Amino acid sequence: MELPEELWESILNRLAVDGDYGDLRSPSLACKKFLSIANRLRQTFVAAKGDVFCRDEYNALSRALERFRNVEEIKLYRLGTKWDVNYPILKIACSGLDLQSLRFHWFQICPSADTLRRLGSTMNNLNVLRCTQFPSLRDTDLVHIGDALPRLEELDIRFSSWKKFEPRQVWYPELSNHTVTDAGIEAISHKLRGLSRIDISWNERCSDLSLIALSSNCVLLSEIKCDRCNITRRGIDWLLGHSTQLTSLRSGHYGSSTNTSLPFDDMKISATGLREIDIGDCDYQERLLCSIAKAGVPLEKLSLRGTLTQLHAVTTLLRACPTLKHLQ
């Protein structure tokens, strides 16, 4: 008896371990029906450096885009300087796919403003963009991203400029022409008003001013990661005091600030929906933990890096947060 296609789809879907539809290569070779079902089930497509990035040998990418019509996420990895970065993105823009997520990893060259505009004009549901380990990313590129993709809800630019320059090697404002700075984050905070998640970790030219801009302009911000940025307690205080929708914060280590031009309020927690926080050694860890406890934040996960010295603060927090499930 012939099984209905819906049942075969359910069977093959269960064979995809952890959502990896690459596991269906063998079943898809059994018959055309299985191949058709496997193509339909695949929601993520990954392309590494090679023929898919070569203008003269584009068949591999074209075939993949035609084959996997239900793909919602595409990941492009390790594109060197000899490849045409704009070509595969333009092919994706013209594919007719309904993408929700796009990731660029380790690109040596940024896509042009025209390429990003074309992408934004055809991908109306694209709401997640990840540009990780992107050493060529600059403030102007962030402006182009904001102009072309104003509907983004999640942006990941971690490791864009870590250790790109030695101290004092490049000065403001010329620095914006070489890397990501506070100016770029502020610009994109005005353009991506619907942003809810952002990761700016390991961008050492981003400081408290970046947190203030994001908190002030992106009112839907629920998750921010700023590990290994030039963040101090002033930026963290401002973020927790003004981002009312914040549910997750990962700041890593941060210290004191001697910049008296930054606004500084008494410690208050307006992010009363905060569920997860990850902080490193800081000079006022006790004050932060006690403030969270006093605000009655229903914290579920707390990660404290480095040497734990504030046992009183941790004890106070444990008493005040019966919702806490994970302490590290």
C-alpha atoms as a PDB file:
ATOM      1  CA  MET A   1       0.000   0.000   0.000  1.00  0.00           C
ATOM      2  CA  GLU A   2       1.317   3.438  -0.950  1.00  0.00           C
ATOM      3  CA  LEU A   3       1.780   5.701   2.056  1.00  0.00           C
ATOM      4  CA  PRO A   4       0.448   9.266   1.712  1.00  0.00           C
ATOM      5  CA  GLU A   5       3.053  11.946   1.033  1.00  0.00           C
ATOM      6  CA  GLU A   6       2.219  13.736   4.295  1.00  0.00           C
ATOM      7  CA  LEU A   7       3.294  10.629   6.219  1.00  0.00           C
ATOM      8  CA  TRP A   8       6.565  10.325   4.304  1.00  0.00           C
ATOM      9  CA  GLU A   9       7.164  14.001   5.012  1.00  0.00           C
ATOM     10  CA  SER A  10       6.689  13.398   8.735  1.00  0.00           C
ATOM     11  CA  ILE A  11       9.069  10.397   8.631  1.00  0.00           C
ATOM     12  CA  LEU A  12      11.812  12.280   6.777  1.00  0.00           C
ATOM     13  CA  ASN A  13      11.362  15.274   9.018  1.00  0.00           C
ATOM     14  CA  ARG A  14      12.109  13.092  12.049  1.00  0.00           C
ATOM     15  CA  LEU A  15      15.218  11.729  10.336  1.00  0.00           C
ATOM     16  CA  ALA A  16      16.676  15.239  10.191  1.00  0.00           C
ATOM     17  CA  VAL A  17      18.670  15.261  13.441  1.00  0.00           C
ATOM     18  CA  ASP A  18      18.452  18.637  15.216  1.00  0.00           C
ATOM     19  CA  GLY A  19      16.948  20.178  12.112  1.00  0.00           C
ATOM     20  CA  ASP A  20      19.944  19.251   9.934  1.00  0.00           C
ATOM     21  CA  TYR A  21      18.368  18.342   6.624  1.00  0.00           C
ATOM     22  CA  GLY A  22      21.763  17.396   5.273  1.00  0.00           C
ATOM     23  CA  ASP A  23      21.015  14.079   6.985  1.00  0.00           C
ATOM     24  CA  LEU A  24      18.450  13.436   4.268  1.00  0.00           C
ATOM     25  CA  ARG A  25      20.994  13.104   1.468  1.00  0.00           C
ATOM     26  CA  SER A  26      20.851   9.312   1.510  1.00  0.00           C
ATOM     27  CA  PRO A  27      17.029   8.958   1.629  1.00  0.00           C
ATOM     28  CA  SER A  28      16.681  11.586  -1.103  1.00  0.00           C
ATOM     29  CA  LEU A  29      18.648   9.315  -3.459  1.00  0.00           C
ATOM     30  CA  ALA A  30      16.122   6.494  -3.070  1.00  0.00           C
ATOM     31  CA  CYS A  31      13.438   7.970  -5.318  1.00  0.00           C
ATOM     32  CA  LYS A  32      12.181  11.217  -6.828  1.00  0.00           C
ATOM     33  CA  LYS A  33       9.419  11.492  -4.242  1.00  0.00           C
ATOM     34  CA  PHE A  34      11.881  11.445  -1.355  1.00  0.00           C
ATOM     35  CA  LEU A  35      14.073  13.960  -3.184  1.00  0.00           C
ATOM     36  CA  SER A  36      11.113  16.287  -3.682  1.00  0.00           C
ATOM     37  CA  ILE A  37      10.092  16.002  -0.031  1.00  0.00           C
ATOM     38  CA  ALA A  38      13.673  16.565   1.224  1.00  0.00           C
ATOM     39  CA  ASN A  39      13.988  19.663  -0.951  1.00  0.00           C
ATOM     40  CA  ARG A  40      10.726  20.986   0.415  1.00  0.00           C
ATOM     41  CA  LEU A  41      11.697  20.368   4.042  1.00  0.00           C
ATOM     42  CA  ARG A  42      15.059  22.124   3.926  1.00  0.00           C
ATOM     43  CA  GLN A  43      14.839  25.534   5.556  1.00  0.00           C
ATOM     44  CA  THR A  44      18.550  26.423   5.835  1.00  0.00           C
ATOM     45  CA  PHE A  45      21.120  26.556   3.062  1.00  0.00           C
ATOM     46  CA  VAL A  46      24.858  26.921   3.763  1.00  0.00           C
ATOM     47  CA  ALA A  47      27.400  27.947   1.114  1.00  0.00           C
ATOM     48  CA  ALA A  48      31.133  28.135   1.747  1.00  0.00           C
ATOM     49  CA  LYS A  49      33.799  29.706  -0.446  1.00  0.00           C
ATOM     50  CA  GLY A  50      34.105  28.110  -3.866  1.00  0.00           C
ATOM     51  CA  ASP A  51      32.172  27.936  -7.098  1.00  0.00           C
ATOM     52  CA  VAL A  52      29.012  29.493  -5.677  1.00  0.00           C
ATOM     53  CA  PHE A  53      30.869  32.814  -5.376  1.00  0.00           C
ATOM     54  CA  CYS A  54      32.407  32.784  -8.842  1.00  0.00           C
ATOM     55  CA  ARG A  55      30.623  34.794 -11.529  1.00  0.00           C
ATOM     56  CA  ASP A  56      31.830  32.422 -14.245  1.00  0.00           C
ATOM     57  CA  GLU A  57      30.694  29.287 -12.435  1.00  0.00           C
ATOM     58  CA  TYR A  58      27.350  30.196 -10.902  1.00  0.00           C
ATOM     59  CA  ASN A  59      25.459  27.001 -11.675  1.00  0.00           C
ATOM     60  CA  ALA A  60      25.924  25.530  -8.186  1.00  0.00           C
ATOM     61  CA  LEU A  61      24.318  28.484  -6.443  1.00  0.00           C
ATOM     62  CA  SER A  62      21.596  28.870  -9.068  1.00  0.00           C
ATOM     63  CA  ARG A  63      20.658  25.198  -8.827  1.00  0.00           C
ATOM     64  CA  ALA A  64      20.540  25.342  -5.041  1.00  0.00           C
ATOM     65  CA  LEU A  65      18.277  28.418  -5.029  1.00  0.00           C
ATOM     66  CA  GLU A  66      15.932  26.766  -7.524  1.00  0.00           C
ATOM     67  CA  ARG A  67      15.941  23.448  -5.688  1.00  0.00           C
ATOM     68  CA  PHE A  68      15.265  24.564  -2.119  1.00  0.00           C
ATOM     69  CA  ARG A  69      12.214  26.780  -2.512  1.00  0.00           C
ATOM     70  CA  ASN A  70      11.212  26.771   1.158  1.00  0.00           C
ATOM     71  CA  VAL A  71      14.567  27.949   2.486  1.00  0.00           C
ATOM     72  CA  GLU A  72      14.155  30.636   5.142  1.00  0.00           C
ATOM     73  CA  GLU A  73      17.827  31.083   6.104  1.00  0.00           C
ATOM     74  CA  ILE A  74      20.986  31.290   4.000  1.00  0.00           C
ATOM     75  CA  LYS A  75      24.510  31.301   5.419  1.00  0.00           C
ATOM     76  CA  LEU A  76      27.476  32.440   3.329  1.00  0.00           C
ATOM     77  CA  TYR A  77      30.901  31.624   4.782  1.00  0.00           C
ATOM     78  CA  ARG A  78      34.504  32.742   4.288  1.00  0.00           C
ATOM     79  CA  LEU A  79      34.508  34.943   1.227  1.00  0.00           C
ATOM     80  CA  GLY A  80      38.019  36.116   0.376  1.00  0.00           C
ATOM     81  CA  THR A  81      39.140  39.186  -1.545  1.00  0.00           C
ATOM     82  CA  LYS A  82      39.306  37.383  -4.906  1.00  0.00           C
ATOM     83  CA  TRP A  83      35.576  36.596  -4.949  1.00  0.00           C
ATOM     84  CA  ASP A  84      32.759  38.899  -6.053  1.00  0.00           C
ATOM     85  CA  VAL A  85      30.825  39.476  -2.853  1.00  0.00           C
ATOM     86  CA  ASN A  86      27.932  41.206  -4.599  1.00  0.00           C
ATOM     87  CA  TYR A  87      27.211  38.427  -7.072  1.00  0.00           C
ATOM     88  CA  PRO A  88      25.807  35.721  -4.743  1.00  0.00           C
ATOM     89  CA  ILE A  89      23.772  38.300  -2.815  1.00  0.00           C
ATOM     90  CA  LEU A  90      22.222  39.616  -6.031  1.00  0.00           C
ATOM     91  CA  LYS A  91      21.415  36.025  -7.045  1.00  0.00           C
ATOM     92  CA  ILE A  92      19.690  35.538  -3.692  1.00  0.00           C
ATOM     93  CA  ALA A  93      17.814  38.836  -4.111  1.00  0.00           C
ATOM     94  CA  CYS A  94      16.472  37.692  -7.487  1.00  0.00           C
ATOM     95  CA  SER A  95      15.664  34.133  -6.376  1.00  0.00           C
ATOM     96  CA  GLY A  96      12.082  34.770  -5.314  1.00  0.00           C
ATOM     97  CA  LEU A  97      12.719  33.088  -1.952  1.00  0.00           C
ATOM     98  CA  ASP A  98      11.009  34.361   1.178  1.00  0.00           C
ATOM     99  CA  LEU A  99      14.068  34.654   3.411  1.00  0.00           C
ATOM    100  CA  GLN A 100      13.817  35.510   7.078  1.00  0.00           C
ATOM    101  CA  SER A 101      17.502  35.245   8.024  1.00  0.00           C
ATOM    102  CA  LEU A 102      20.802  35.890   6.225  1.00  0.00           C
ATOM    103  CA  ARG A 103      24.290  35.385   7.615  1.00  0.00           C
ATOM    104  CA  PHE A 104      27.618  36.620   6.269  1.00  0.00           C
ATOM    105  CA  HIS A 105      30.609  35.106   8.034  1.00  0.00           C
ATOM    106  CA  TRP A 106      34.224  36.140   7.535  1.00  0.00           C
ATOM    107  CA  PHE A 107      33.761  38.398   4.506  1.00  0.00           C
ATOM    108  CA  GLN A 108      36.826  40.418   3.550  1.00  0.00           C
ATOM    109  CA  ILE A 109      34.773  42.858   1.462  1.00  0.00           C
ATOM    110  CA  CYS A 110      31.412  44.418   2.269  1.00  0.00           C
ATOM    111  CA  PRO A 111      28.480  44.261  -0.167  1.00  0.00           C
ATOM    112  CA  SER A 112      27.832  47.537  -1.967  1.00  0.00           C
ATOM    113  CA  ALA A 113      25.006  49.879  -1.019  1.00  0.00           C
ATOM    114  CA  ASP A 114      23.244  49.079  -4.331  1.00  0.00           C
ATOM    115  CA  THR A 115      23.427  45.340  -3.616  1.00  0.00           C
ATOM    116  CA  LEU A 116      21.960  45.798  -0.137  1.00  0.00           C
ATOM    117  CA  ARG A 117      19.173  47.985  -1.536  1.00  0.00           C
ATOM    118  CA  ARG A 118      18.309  45.322  -4.091  1.00  0.00           C
ATOM    119  CA  LEU A 119      18.226  42.717  -1.348  1.00  0.00           C
ATOM    120  CA  GLY A 120      15.958  44.855   0.811  1.00  0.00           C
ATOM    121  CA  SER A 121      13.589  45.585  -2.080  1.00  0.00           C
ATOM    122  CA  THR A 122      12.873  41.885  -2.707  1.00  0.00           C
ATOM    123  CA  MET A 123      13.179  40.305   0.756  1.00  0.00           C
ATOM    124  CA  ASN A 124      10.274  41.908   2.594  1.00  0.00           C
ATOM    125  CA  ASN A 125      10.340  39.398   5.468  1.00  0.00           C
ATOM    126  CA  LEU A 126      14.094  39.455   6.075  1.00  0.00           C
ATOM    127  CA  ASN A 127      14.321  40.354   9.767  1.00  0.00           C
ATOM    128  CA  VAL A 128      17.606  38.759  10.876  1.00  0.00           C
ATOM    129  CA  LEU A 129      21.054  39.775   9.578  1.00  0.00           C
ATOM    130  CA  ARG A 130      24.297  38.388  10.973  1.00  0.00           C
ATOM    131  CA  CYS A 131      27.636  39.855   9.864  1.00  0.00           C
ATOM    132  CA  THR A 132      30.085  37.968  12.092  1.00  0.00           C
ATOM    133  CA  GLN A 133      33.873  38.182  11.929  1.00  0.00           C
ATOM    134  CA  PHE A 134      33.533  40.866   9.299  1.00  0.00           C
ATOM    135  CA  PRO A 135      36.845  42.787   9.464  1.00  0.00           C
ATOM    136  CA  SER A 136      35.901  45.158   6.671  1.00  0.00           C
ATOM    137  CA  LEU A 137      32.697  46.393   8.337  1.00  0.00           C
ATOM    138  CA  ARG A 138      32.621  50.160   8.907  1.00  0.00           C
ATOM    139  CA  ASP A 139      30.183  52.774  10.137  1.00  0.00           C
ATOM    140  CA  THR A 140      29.185  53.618   6.565  1.00  0.00           C
ATOM    141  CA  ASP A 141      28.275  49.963   5.968  1.00  0.00           C
ATOM    142  CA  LEU A 142      25.974  50.053   8.990  1.00  0.00           C
ATOM    143  CA  VAL A 143      24.266  53.112   7.512  1.00  0.00           C
ATOM    144  CA  HIS A 144      23.780  51.246   4.210  1.00  0.00           C
ATOM    145  CA  ILE A 145      22.331  48.261   6.084  1.00  0.00           C
ATOM    146  CA  GLY A 146      19.914  50.498   7.971  1.00  0.00           C
ATOM    147  CA  ASP A 147      18.786  52.251   4.785  1.00  0.00           C
ATOM    148  CA  ALA A 148      18.322  49.019   2.818  1.00  0.00           C
ATOM    149  CA  LEU A 149      16.844  46.793   5.528  1.00  0.00           C
ATOM    150  CA  PRO A 150      14.766  49.012   7.834  1.00  0.00           C
ATOM    151  CA  ARG A 151      12.587  46.077   8.927  1.00  0.00           C
ATOM    152  CA  LEU A 152      15.415  44.210  10.653  1.00  0.00           C
ATOM    153  CA  GLU A 153      14.573  42.934  14.120  1.00  0.00           C
ATOM    154  CA  GLU A 154      17.893  41.222  14.894  1.00  0.00           C
ATOM    155  CA  LEU A 155      21.418  42.362  14.009  1.00  0.00           C
ATOM    156  CA  ASP A 156      24.660  40.565  14.851  1.00  0.00           C
ATOM    157  CA  ILE A 157      27.980  42.330  14.114  1.00  0.00           C
ATOM    158  CA  ARG A 158      30.247  40.673  16.681  1.00  0.00           C
ATOM    159  CA  PHE A 159      33.965  40.388  16.013  1.00  0.00           C
ATOM    160  CA  SER A 160      33.841  43.108  13.356  1.00  0.00           C
ATOM    161  CA  SER A 161      36.761  45.186  14.570  1.00  0.00           C
ATOM    162  CA  TRP A 162      38.425  43.448  17.491  1.00  0.00           C
ATOM    163  CA  LYS A 163      42.126  44.408  17.669  1.00  0.00           C
ATOM    164  CA  LYS A 164      41.974  45.937  14.216  1.00  0.00           C
ATOM    165  CA  PHE A 165      44.026  48.913  15.350  1.00  0.00           C
ATOM    166  CA  GLU A 166      46.613  49.509  17.979  1.00  0.00           C
ATOM    167  CA  PRO A 167      45.772  52.282  20.458  1.00  0.00           C
ATOM    168  CA  ARG A 168      46.304  55.792  19.053  1.00  0.00           C
ATOM    169  CA  GLN A 169      46.960  54.428  15.564  1.00  0.00           C
ATOM    170  CA  VAL A 170      43.832  56.014  14.083  1.00  0.00           C
ATOM    171  CA  TRP A 171      41.980  59.003  15.511  1.00  0.00           C
ATOM    172  CA  TYR A 172      38.368  60.160  15.320  1.00  0.00           C
ATOM    173  CA  PRO A 173      36.632  61.051  13.025  1.00  0.00           C
ATOM    174  CA  GLU A 174      38.801  59.124  10.568  1.00  0.00           C
ATOM    175  CA  LEU A 175      38.233  56.009  12.666  1.00  0.00           C
ATOM    176  CA  SER A 176      34.680  55.690  11.281  1.00  0.00           C
ATOM    177  CA  ASN A 177      36.166  55.102   7.838  1.00  0.00           C
ATOM    178  CA  HIS A 178      37.991  52.000   9.080  1.00  0.00           C
ATOM    179  CA  THR A 179      35.835  50.237  11.640  1.00  0.00           C
ATOM    180  CA  VAL A 180      32.589  50.202  13.652  1.00  0.00           C
ATOM    181  CA  THR A 181      32.310  52.953  16.264  1.00  0.00           C
ATOM    182  CA  ASP A 182      29.661  54.620  18.438  1.00  0.00           C
ATOM    183  CA  ALA A 183      28.755  56.822  15.467  1.00  0.00           C
ATOM    184  CA  GLY A 184      27.720  53.807  13.391  1.00  0.00           C
ATOM    185  CA  ILE A 185      25.679  52.279  16.220  1.00  0.00           C
ATOM    186  CA  GLU A 186      23.913  55.573  16.851  1.00  0.00           C
ATOM    187  CA  ALA A 187      23.116  55.949  13.142  1.00  0.00           C
ATOM    188  CA  ILE A 188      21.651  52.471  12.874  1.00  0.00           C
ATOM    189  CA  SER A 189      19.660  52.922  16.096  1.00  0.00           C
ATOM    190  CA  HIS A 190      17.728  55.707  14.335  1.00  0.00           C
ATOM    191  CA  LYS A 191      17.154  53.617  11.206  1.00  0.00           C
ATOM    192  CA  LEU A 192      16.190  50.283  12.815  1.00  0.00           C
ATOM    193  CA  ARG A 193      13.410  51.388  15.139  1.00  0.00           C
ATOM    194  CA  GLY A 194      11.979  47.862  15.323  1.00  0.00           C
ATOM    195  CA  LEU A 195      15.245  46.293  16.457  1.00  0.00           C
ATOM    196  CA  SER A 196      14.749  43.837  19.315  1.00  0.00           C
ATOM    197  CA  ARG A 197      18.073  41.965  19.438  1.00  0.00           C
ATOM    198  CA  ILE A 198      21.619  43.123  18.770  1.00  0.00           C
ATOM    199  CA  ASP A 199      25.102  41.726  19.364  1.00  0.00           C
ATOM    200  CA  ILE A 200      27.979  44.224  19.193  1.00  0.00           C
ATOM    201  CA  SER A 201      30.443  42.064  21.159  1.00  0.00           C
ATOM    202  CA  TRP A 202      34.170  42.361  20.481  1.00  0.00           C
ATOM    203  CA  ASN A 203      33.860  45.791  18.878  1.00  0.00           C
ATOM    204  CA  GLU A 204      36.260  47.686  21.070  1.00  0.00           C
ATOM    205  CA  ARG A 205      35.391  51.097  19.584  1.00  0.00           C
ATOM    206  CA  CYS A 206      31.832  50.802  20.857  1.00  0.00           C
ATOM    207  CA  SER A 207      31.344  52.382  24.272  1.00  0.00           C
ATOM    208  CA  ASP A 208      28.605  53.500  26.657  1.00  0.00           C
ATOM    209  CA  LEU A 209      27.399  55.881  23.951  1.00  0.00           C
ATOM    210  CA  SER A 210      26.351  52.876  21.857  1.00  0.00           C
ATOM    211  CA  LEU A 211      24.232  51.496  24.704  1.00  0.00           C
ATOM    212  CA  ILE A 212      22.655  54.900  25.329  1.00  0.00           C
ATOM    213  CA  ALA A 213      21.762  55.303  21.641  1.00  0.00           C
ATOM    214  CA  LEU A 214      20.274  51.813  21.364  1.00  0.00           C
ATOM    215  CA  SER A 215      18.324  52.163  24.592  1.00  0.00           C
ATOM    216  CA  SER A 216      16.999  55.612  23.658  1.00  0.00           C
ATOM    217  CA  ASN A 217      16.026  54.906  20.044  1.00  0.00           C
ATOM    218  CA  CYS A 218      15.167  51.182  19.905  1.00  0.00           C
ATOM    219  CA  VAL A 219      12.274  50.985  22.339  1.00  0.00           C
ATOM    220  CA  LEU A 220      11.567  47.309  21.515  1.00  0.00           C
ATOM    221  CA  LEU A 221      15.081  46.210  22.434  1.00  0.00           C
ATOM    222  CA  SER A 222      14.830  42.940  24.369  1.00  0.00           C
ATOM    223  CA  GLU A 223      18.304  41.432  24.080  1.00  0.00           C
ATOM    224  CA  ILE A 224      21.748  42.991  23.860  1.00  0.00           C
ATOM    225  CA  LYS A 225      25.218  41.480  23.936  1.00  0.00           C
ATOM    226  CA  CYS A 226      28.155  43.845  24.365  1.00  0.00           C
ATOM    227  CA  ASP A 227      30.934  41.619  25.662  1.00  0.00           C
ATOM    228  CA  ARG A 228      34.488  42.949  25.184  1.00  0.00           C
ATOM    229  CA  CYS A 229      33.332  46.413  24.181  1.00  0.00           C
ATOM    230  CA  ASN A 230      34.514  49.596  25.880  1.00  0.00           C
ATOM    231  CA  ILE A 231      31.576  49.493  28.297  1.00  0.00           C
ATOM    232  CA  THR A 232      31.484  50.945  31.800  1.00  0.00           C
ATOM    233  CA  ARG A 233      28.917  50.969  34.581  1.00  0.00           C
ATOM    234  CA  ARG A 234      27.385  54.199  33.273  1.00  0.00           C
ATOM    235  CA  GLY A 235      26.309  52.480  30.075  1.00  0.00           C
ATOM    236  CA  ILE A 236      24.932  49.467  31.943  1.00  0.00           C
ATOM    237  CA  ASP A 237      23.049  51.723  34.386  1.00  0.00           C
ATOM    238  CA  TRP A 238      21.512  53.680  31.530  1.00  0.00           C
ATOM    239  CA  LEU A 239      20.499  50.509  29.699  1.00  0.00           C
ATOM    240  CA  LEU A 240      18.840  48.899  32.724  1.00  0.00           C
ATOM    241  CA  GLY A 241      17.180  52.185  33.642  1.00  0.00           C
ATOM    242  CA  HIS A 242      15.666  52.956  30.235  1.00  0.00           C
ATOM    243  CA  SER A 243      15.164  49.737  28.227  1.00  0.00           C
ATOM    244  CA  THR A 244      11.830  48.663  29.627  1.00  0.00           C
ATOM    245  CA  GLN A 245      11.483  45.697  27.240  1.00  0.00           C
ATOM    246  CA  LEU A 246      14.919  44.218  28.010  1.00  0.00           C
ATOM    247  CA  THR A 247      14.892  40.502  28.863  1.00  0.00           C
ATOM    248  CA  SER A 248      18.524  39.492  28.292  1.00  0.00           C
ATOM    249  CA  LEU A 249      21.846  41.283  28.850  1.00  0.00           C
ATOM    250  CA  ARG A 250      25.361  39.970  28.331  1.00  0.00           C
ATOM    251  CA  SER A 251      27.999  42.540  29.126  1.00  0.00           C
ATOM    252  CA  GLY A 252      30.979  40.506  30.264  1.00  0.00           C
ATOM    253  CA  HIS A 253      33.600  42.569  32.082  1.00  0.00           C
ATOM    254  CA  TYR A 254      33.168  46.299  32.413  1.00  0.00           C
ATOM    255  CA  GLY A 255      34.666  48.908  34.684  1.00  0.00           C
ATOM    256  CA  SER A 256      34.360  52.450  36.027  1.00  0.00           C
ATOM    257  CA  SER A 257      34.062  55.543  33.913  1.00  0.00           C
ATOM    258  CA  THR A 258      35.789  58.861  34.373  1.00  0.00           C
ATOM    259  CA  ASN A 259      33.760  60.517  31.591  1.00  0.00           C
ATOM    260  CA  THR A 260      31.610  62.985  33.494  1.00  0.00           C
ATOM    261  CA  SER A 261      29.853  64.170  30.316  1.00  0.00           C
ATOM    262  CA  LEU A 262      27.755  60.992  30.231  1.00  0.00           C
ATOM    263  CA  PRO A 263      24.355  61.100  31.945  1.00  0.00           C
ATOM    264  CA  PHE A 264      24.370  59.215  35.227  1.00  0.00           C
ATOM    265  CA  ASP A 265      21.337  58.396  37.341  1.00  0.00           C
ATOM    266  CA  ASP A 266      21.083  56.618  40.630  1.00  0.00           C
ATOM    267  CA  MET A 267      20.869  52.889  40.057  1.00  0.00           C
ATOM    268  CA  LYS A 268      17.338  52.042  38.974  1.00  0.00           C
ATOM    269  CA  ILE A 269      15.952  49.049  37.156  1.00  0.00           C
ATOM    270  CA  SER A 270      13.227  49.752  34.617  1.00  0.00           C
ATOM    271  CA  ALA A 271      13.866  46.462  32.795  1.00  0.00           C
ATOM    272  CA  THR A 272      11.485  44.632  35.122  1.00  0.00           C
ATOM    273  CA  GLY A 273      11.045  41.816  32.607  1.00  0.00           C
ATOM    274  CA  LEU A 274      14.747  40.908  32.717  1.00  0.00           C
ATOM    275  CA  ARG A 275      15.147  37.123  32.637  1.00  0.00           C
ATOM    276  CA  GLU A 276      18.843  36.577  31.929  1.00  0.00           C
ATOM    277  CA  ILE A 277      21.974  38.519  32.783  1.00  0.00           C
ATOM    278  CA  ASP A 278      25.636  37.685  32.231  1.00  0.00           C
ATOM    279  CA  ILE A 279      28.235  39.997  33.761  1.00  0.00           C
ATOM    280  CA  GLY A 280      31.924  39.742  34.585  1.00  0.00           C
ATOM    281  CA  ASP A 281      34.078  41.235  37.308  1.00  0.00           C
ATOM    282  CA  CYS A 282      33.121  44.833  37.934  1.00  0.00           C
ATOM    283  CA  ASP A 283      33.754  47.313  40.707  1.00  0.00           C
ATOM    284  CA  TYR A 284      30.123  47.597  41.732  1.00  0.00           C
ATOM    285  CA  GLN A 285      28.789  44.084  41.274  1.00  0.00           C
ATOM    286  CA  GLU A 286      27.174  44.165  44.718  1.00  0.00           C
ATOM    287  CA  ARG A 287      25.244  47.353  43.931  1.00  0.00           C
ATOM    288  CA  LEU A 288      23.977  45.899  40.666  1.00  0.00           C
ATOM    289  CA  LEU A 289      22.814  42.596  42.171  1.00  0.00           C
ATOM    290  CA  CYS A 290      21.132  44.274  45.125  1.00  0.00           C
ATOM    291  CA  SER A 291      19.348  46.701  42.800  1.00  0.00           C
ATOM    292  CA  ILE A 292      18.027  43.805  40.717  1.00  0.00           C
ATOM    293  CA  ALA A 293      16.801  42.108  43.903  1.00  0.00           C
ATOM    294  CA  LYS A 294      15.155  45.316  45.157  1.00  0.00           C
ATOM    295  CA  ALA A 295      13.334  45.830  41.851  1.00  0.00           C
ATOM    296  CA  GLY A 296      11.770  42.377  42.109  1.00  0.00           C
ATOM    297  CA  VAL A 297      13.037  41.327  38.700  1.00  0.00           C
ATOM    298  CA  PRO A 298      11.890  37.745  37.894  1.00  0.00           C
ATOM    299  CA  LEU A 299      15.403  36.661  36.946  1.00  0.00           C
ATOM    300  CA  GLU A 300      15.767  33.084  35.681  1.00  0.00           C
ATOM    301  CA  LYS A 301      19.450  32.877  34.731  1.00  0.00           C
ATOM    302  CA  LEU A 302      22.454  34.638  36.288  1.00  0.00           C
ATOM    303  CA  SER A 303      26.038  34.180  35.083  1.00  0.00           C
ATOM    304  CA  LEU A 304      28.853  35.834  37.058  1.00  0.00           C
ATOM    305  CA  ARG A 305      32.270  35.560  35.465  1.00  0.00           C
ATOM    306  CA  GLY A 306      35.573  35.912  37.229  1.00  0.00           C
ATOM    307  CA  THR A 307      36.129  35.688  40.983  1.00  0.00           C
ATOM    308  CA  LEU A 308      32.919  35.768  42.986  1.00  0.00           C
ATOM    309  CA  THR A 309      33.489  38.009  45.997  1.00  0.00           C
ATOM    310  CA  GLN A 310      30.052  39.515  46.629  1.00  0.00           C
ATOM    311  CA  LEU A 311      28.466  36.617  48.523  1.00  0.00           C
ATOM    312  CA  HIS A 312      26.134  38.948  50.421  1.00  0.00           C
ATOM    313  CA  ALA A 313      24.737  40.358  47.175  1.00  0.00           C
ATOM    314  CA  VAL A 314      24.250  36.885  45.704  1.00  0.00           C
ATOM    315  CA  THR A 315      22.460  35.710  48.850  1.00  0.00           C
ATOM    316  CA  THR A 316      20.194  38.763  48.767  1.00  0.00           C
ATOM    317  CA  LEU A 317      19.377  38.080  45.132  1.00  0.00           C
ATOM    318  CA  LEU A 318      18.626  34.406  45.768  1.00  0.00           C
ATOM    319  CA  ARG A 319      16.133  35.332  48.483  1.00  0.00           C
ATOM    320  CA  ALA A 320      14.426  37.919  46.289  1.00  0.00           C
ATOM    321  CA  CYS A 321      14.318  35.825  43.087  1.00  0.00           C
ATOM    322  CA  PRO A 322      12.534  32.517  43.628  1.00  0.00           C
ATOM    323  CA  THR A 323      12.271  32.308  39.834  1.00  0.00           C
ATOM    324  CA  LEU A 324      16.053  31.846  39.470  1.00  0.00           C
ATOM    325  CA  LYS A 325      16.772  28.469  37.828  1.00  0.00           C
ATOM    326  CA  HIS A 326      20.396  28.807  36.736  1.00  0.00           C
ATOM    327  CA  LEU A 327      23.339  30.328  38.635  1.00  0.00           C
ATOM    328  CA  GLN A 328      26.823  30.119  37.212  1.00  0.00           C
END
